[in-house]
Amino acid sequence: MSNIKQEIKTEEEQQNYSMSNNSDPKNMQELTQYVQTLLQGMQDKFQAMSDQIITRIDEMGNRIDDLEKNITELMTQAGVEGPEK
């Protein structure tokens, strides 16, 4: 989690630096391009974070499945029946 925060902080610093060094858009076409570039960057970052979250959820699901399997095996070895449904 701290890696993500550090990564975001670093990206924000880079973005702030690049924004402060860029001159203001001179016309509507430059402004439109500037906004599109910002939006594309935000979309790329959002997609990367979404992919990371989905990967972690999948990993957590696999770990939960493994835990359930191990608990069932331990209950079988101990001679305890599973919960009634």
N, C-alpha and C. Protein backbone atom coordinates (compact mmCIF):
# COMPACT_ATOMS: atom_id res chain seq x y z
N MET A 1 0.82 -1.18 0.00
CA MET A 1 0.00 0.00 0.00
C MET A 1 0.87 1.25 0.00
N SER A 2 1.95 1.22 0.77
CA SER A 2 2.83 2.38 0.81
C SER A 2 3.50 2.60 -0.53
N ASN A 3 3.73 1.51 -1.30
CA ASN A 3 4.32 1.66 -2.63
C ASN A 3 3.39 2.46 -3.53
N ILE A 4 2.11 2.19 -3.46
CA ILE A 4 1.15 2.90 -4.30
C ILE A 4 1.13 4.37 -3.91
N LYS A 5 1.10 4.66 -2.59
CA LYS A 5 1.08 6.05 -2.14
C LYS A 5 2.34 6.76 -2.58
N GLN A 6 3.49 6.08 -2.46
CA GLN A 6 4.75 6.71 -2.86
C GLN A 6 4.76 6.93 -4.36
N GLU A 7 4.25 5.94 -5.12
CA GLU A 7 4.20 6.06 -6.57
C GLU A 7 3.32 7.23 -6.98
N ILE A 8 2.16 7.35 -6.34
CA ILE A 8 1.25 8.44 -6.66
C ILE A 8 1.89 9.78 -6.31
N LYS A 9 2.54 9.85 -5.14
CA LYS A 9 3.18 11.10 -4.72
C LYS A 9 4.24 11.50 -5.73
N THR A 10 5.05 10.53 -6.16
CA THR A 10 6.11 10.81 -7.13
C THR A 10 5.52 11.29 -8.44
N GLU A 11 4.45 10.64 -8.90
CA GLU A 11 3.81 11.04 -10.15
C GLU A 11 3.20 12.43 -10.02
N GLU A 12 2.61 12.73 -8.87
CA GLU A 12 2.04 14.05 -8.67
C GLU A 12 3.12 15.12 -8.68
N GLU A 13 4.26 14.83 -8.07
CA GLU A 13 5.36 15.79 -8.07
C GLU A 13 5.84 16.03 -9.50
N GLN A 14 5.96 14.96 -10.28
CA GLN A 14 6.39 15.10 -11.68
C GLN A 14 5.38 15.91 -12.47
N GLN A 15 4.10 15.62 -12.25
CA GLN A 15 3.05 16.33 -12.97
C GLN A 15 3.05 17.81 -12.59
N ASN A 16 3.18 18.09 -11.29
CA ASN A 16 3.21 19.49 -10.84
C ASN A 16 4.41 20.21 -11.43
N TYR A 17 5.54 19.53 -11.49
CA TYR A 17 6.75 20.13 -12.04
C TYR A 17 6.55 20.43 -13.53
N SER A 18 5.99 19.45 -14.26
CA SER A 18 5.81 19.66 -15.70
C SER A 18 4.76 20.73 -15.96
N MET A 19 3.74 20.80 -15.10
CA MET A 19 2.70 21.81 -15.29
C MET A 19 3.25 23.21 -15.01
N SER A 20 4.12 23.32 -14.02
CA SER A 20 4.66 24.63 -13.69
C SER A 20 5.65 25.11 -14.74
N ASN A 21 6.26 24.17 -15.47
CA ASN A 21 7.23 24.54 -16.50
C ASN A 21 6.59 24.76 -17.87
N ASN A 22 5.36 24.29 -18.04
CA ASN A 22 4.67 24.50 -19.32
C ASN A 22 4.07 25.89 -19.35
N SER A 23 4.11 26.48 -20.52
CA SER A 23 3.46 27.78 -20.65
C SER A 23 1.96 27.55 -20.79
N ASP A 24 1.20 28.55 -20.47
CA ASP A 24 -0.25 28.45 -20.58
C ASP A 24 -0.63 28.26 -22.04
N PRO A 25 -1.69 27.49 -22.28
CA PRO A 25 -2.15 27.31 -23.66
C PRO A 25 -2.51 28.65 -24.28
N LYS A 26 -2.14 28.83 -25.52
CA LYS A 26 -2.35 30.12 -26.19
C LYS A 26 -3.70 30.21 -26.91
N ASN A 27 -4.23 29.05 -27.28
CA ASN A 27 -5.51 29.09 -27.99
C ASN A 27 -6.35 27.86 -27.61
N MET A 28 -7.53 27.80 -28.17
CA MET A 28 -8.46 26.74 -27.82
C MET A 28 -7.94 25.37 -28.23
N GLN A 29 -7.26 25.27 -29.36
CA GLN A 29 -6.73 23.99 -29.82
C GLN A 29 -5.67 23.47 -28.84
N GLU A 30 -4.79 24.34 -28.38
CA GLU A 30 -3.77 23.92 -27.41
C GLU A 30 -4.42 23.53 -26.09
N LEU A 31 -5.43 24.28 -25.67
CA LEU A 31 -6.13 23.97 -24.44
C LEU A 31 -6.82 22.61 -24.54
N THR A 32 -7.47 22.37 -25.66
CA THR A 32 -8.14 21.09 -25.88
C THR A 32 -7.13 19.94 -25.83
N GLN A 33 -6.00 20.09 -26.49
CA GLN A 33 -4.96 19.06 -26.48
C GLN A 33 -4.43 18.84 -25.07
N TYR A 34 -4.22 19.93 -24.35
CA TYR A 34 -3.72 19.86 -22.98
C TYR A 34 -4.69 19.08 -22.08
N VAL A 35 -5.98 19.40 -22.18
CA VAL A 35 -6.99 18.72 -21.38
C VAL A 35 -7.08 17.25 -21.77
N GLN A 36 -7.03 16.95 -23.06
CA GLN A 36 -7.08 15.56 -23.50
C GLN A 36 -5.89 14.77 -22.97
N THR A 37 -4.73 15.39 -22.97
CA THR A 37 -3.53 14.73 -22.45
C THR A 37 -3.67 14.45 -20.96
N LEU A 38 -4.18 15.43 -20.22
CA LEU A 38 -4.40 15.23 -18.78
C LEU A 38 -5.40 14.11 -18.52
N LEU A 39 -6.50 14.13 -19.26
CA LEU A 39 -7.53 13.10 -19.08
C LEU A 39 -7.00 11.71 -19.44
N GLN A 40 -6.20 11.61 -20.49
CA GLN A 40 -5.63 10.32 -20.88
C GLN A 40 -4.69 9.82 -19.79
N GLY A 41 -3.90 10.72 -19.23
CA GLY A 41 -3.00 10.33 -18.14
C GLY A 41 -3.77 9.83 -16.93
N MET A 42 -4.85 10.52 -16.59
CA MET A 42 -5.68 10.10 -15.47
C MET A 42 -6.32 8.74 -15.75
N GLN A 43 -6.79 8.54 -16.98
CA GLN A 43 -7.41 7.28 -17.34
C GLN A 43 -6.39 6.14 -17.27
N ASP A 44 -5.18 6.37 -17.73
CA ASP A 44 -4.13 5.36 -17.67
C ASP A 44 -3.81 4.98 -16.22
N LYS A 45 -3.71 5.99 -15.36
CA LYS A 45 -3.42 5.73 -13.95
C LYS A 45 -4.57 4.96 -13.30
N PHE A 46 -5.80 5.35 -13.61
CA PHE A 46 -6.96 4.67 -13.06
C PHE A 46 -6.99 3.22 -13.50
N GLN A 47 -6.69 2.97 -14.77
CA GLN A 47 -6.69 1.60 -15.29
C GLN A 47 -5.61 0.77 -14.60
N ALA A 48 -4.44 1.33 -14.40
CA ALA A 48 -3.36 0.61 -13.74
C ALA A 48 -3.75 0.26 -12.30
N MET A 49 -4.35 1.22 -11.61
CA MET A 49 -4.78 0.95 -10.23
C MET A 49 -5.90 -0.09 -10.20
N SER A 50 -6.82 -0.02 -11.14
CA SER A 50 -7.90 -1.00 -11.21
C SER A 50 -7.34 -2.39 -11.45
N ASP A 51 -6.37 -2.50 -12.34
CA ASP A 51 -5.74 -3.80 -12.61
C ASP A 51 -5.06 -4.35 -11.37
N GLN A 52 -4.38 -3.48 -10.61
CA GLN A 52 -3.73 -3.91 -9.38
C GLN A 52 -4.75 -4.40 -8.36
N ILE A 53 -5.85 -3.70 -8.24
CA ILE A 53 -6.89 -4.09 -7.28
C ILE A 53 -7.49 -5.43 -7.67
N ILE A 54 -7.80 -5.62 -8.95
CA ILE A 54 -8.38 -6.88 -9.40
C ILE A 54 -7.41 -8.03 -9.18
N THR A 55 -6.13 -7.81 -9.44
CA THR A 55 -5.13 -8.85 -9.22
C THR A 55 -5.08 -9.23 -7.75
N ARG A 56 -5.09 -8.24 -6.87
CA ARG A 56 -5.04 -8.51 -5.43
C ARG A 56 -6.30 -9.23 -4.96
N ILE A 57 -7.45 -8.87 -5.49
CA ILE A 57 -8.69 -9.55 -5.13
C ILE A 57 -8.64 -11.00 -5.57
N ASP A 58 -8.15 -11.27 -6.78
CA ASP A 58 -8.01 -12.64 -7.26
C ASP A 58 -7.07 -13.44 -6.37
N GLU A 59 -5.94 -12.83 -5.99
CA GLU A 59 -4.99 -13.51 -5.11
C GLU A 59 -5.63 -13.82 -3.76
N MET A 60 -6.40 -12.86 -3.23
CA MET A 60 -7.07 -13.06 -1.95
C MET A 60 -8.09 -14.19 -2.06
N GLY A 61 -8.81 -14.24 -3.16
CA GLY A 61 -9.79 -15.31 -3.38
C GLY A 61 -9.12 -16.67 -3.41
N ASN A 62 -7.96 -16.75 -4.07
CA ASN A 62 -7.23 -18.02 -4.10
C ASN A 62 -6.76 -18.43 -2.72
N ARG A 63 -6.30 -17.45 -1.94
CA ARG A 63 -5.84 -17.76 -0.59
C ARG A 63 -7.00 -18.22 0.29
N ILE A 64 -8.16 -17.60 0.12
CA ILE A 64 -9.34 -18.02 0.90
C ILE A 64 -9.74 -19.45 0.52
N ASP A 65 -9.72 -19.75 -0.78
CA ASP A 65 -10.03 -21.11 -1.22
C ASP A 65 -9.07 -22.12 -0.60
N ASP A 66 -7.77 -21.78 -0.57
CA ASP A 66 -6.78 -22.66 0.04
C ASP A 66 -7.04 -22.85 1.53
N LEU A 67 -7.39 -21.76 2.21
CA LEU A 67 -7.70 -21.86 3.64
C LEU A 67 -8.90 -22.77 3.90
N GLU A 68 -9.95 -22.61 3.09
CA GLU A 68 -11.13 -23.45 3.25
C GLU A 68 -10.77 -24.93 3.03
N LYS A 69 -9.96 -25.18 2.03
CA LYS A 69 -9.54 -26.55 1.76
C LYS A 69 -8.74 -27.11 2.93
N ASN A 70 -7.80 -26.33 3.46
CA ASN A 70 -6.99 -26.79 4.58
C ASN A 70 -7.83 -27.02 5.83
N ILE A 71 -8.79 -26.15 6.08
CA ILE A 71 -9.67 -26.31 7.24
C ILE A 71 -10.49 -27.59 7.11
N THR A 72 -11.00 -27.83 5.92
CA THR A 72 -11.78 -29.05 5.68
C THR A 72 -10.92 -30.29 5.91
N GLU A 73 -9.69 -30.26 5.41
CA GLU A 73 -8.78 -31.39 5.61
C GLU A 73 -8.48 -31.60 7.09
N LEU A 74 -8.23 -30.51 7.82
CA LEU A 74 -7.95 -30.62 9.25
C LEU A 74 -9.16 -31.17 10.01
N MET A 75 -10.35 -30.72 9.64
CA MET A 75 -11.56 -31.22 10.30
C MET A 75 -11.75 -32.70 10.02
N THR A 76 -11.45 -33.13 8.79
CA THR A 76 -11.56 -34.54 8.44
C THR A 76 -10.56 -35.36 9.25
N GLN A 77 -9.33 -34.87 9.34
CA GLN A 77 -8.31 -35.58 10.12
C GLN A 77 -8.68 -35.64 11.60
N ALA A 78 -9.34 -34.62 12.11
CA ALA A 78 -9.73 -34.60 13.53
C ALA A 78 -10.99 -35.38 13.77
N GLY A 79 -11.66 -35.83 12.72
CA GLY A 79 -12.89 -36.61 12.89
C GLY A 79 -14.11 -35.75 13.16
N VAL A 80 -14.02 -34.47 12.85
CA VAL A 80 -15.14 -33.56 13.05
C VAL A 80 -15.90 -33.45 11.74
N GLU A 81 -17.24 -33.54 11.85
CA GLU A 81 -18.04 -33.40 10.65
C GLU A 81 -18.19 -31.92 10.28
N GLY A 82 -18.44 -31.67 9.02
CA GLY A 82 -18.61 -30.31 8.54
C GLY A 82 -19.90 -29.72 9.06
N PRO A 83 -20.07 -28.42 8.90
CA PRO A 83 -21.30 -27.76 9.37
C PRO A 83 -22.52 -28.26 8.60
N GLU A 84 -23.63 -28.37 9.32
CA GLU A 84 -24.86 -28.81 8.65
C GLU A 84 -25.46 -27.66 7.88
N LYS A 85 -25.99 -27.97 6.71
CA LYS A 85 -26.58 -26.92 5.86
C LYS A 85 -28.05 -27.15 5.71
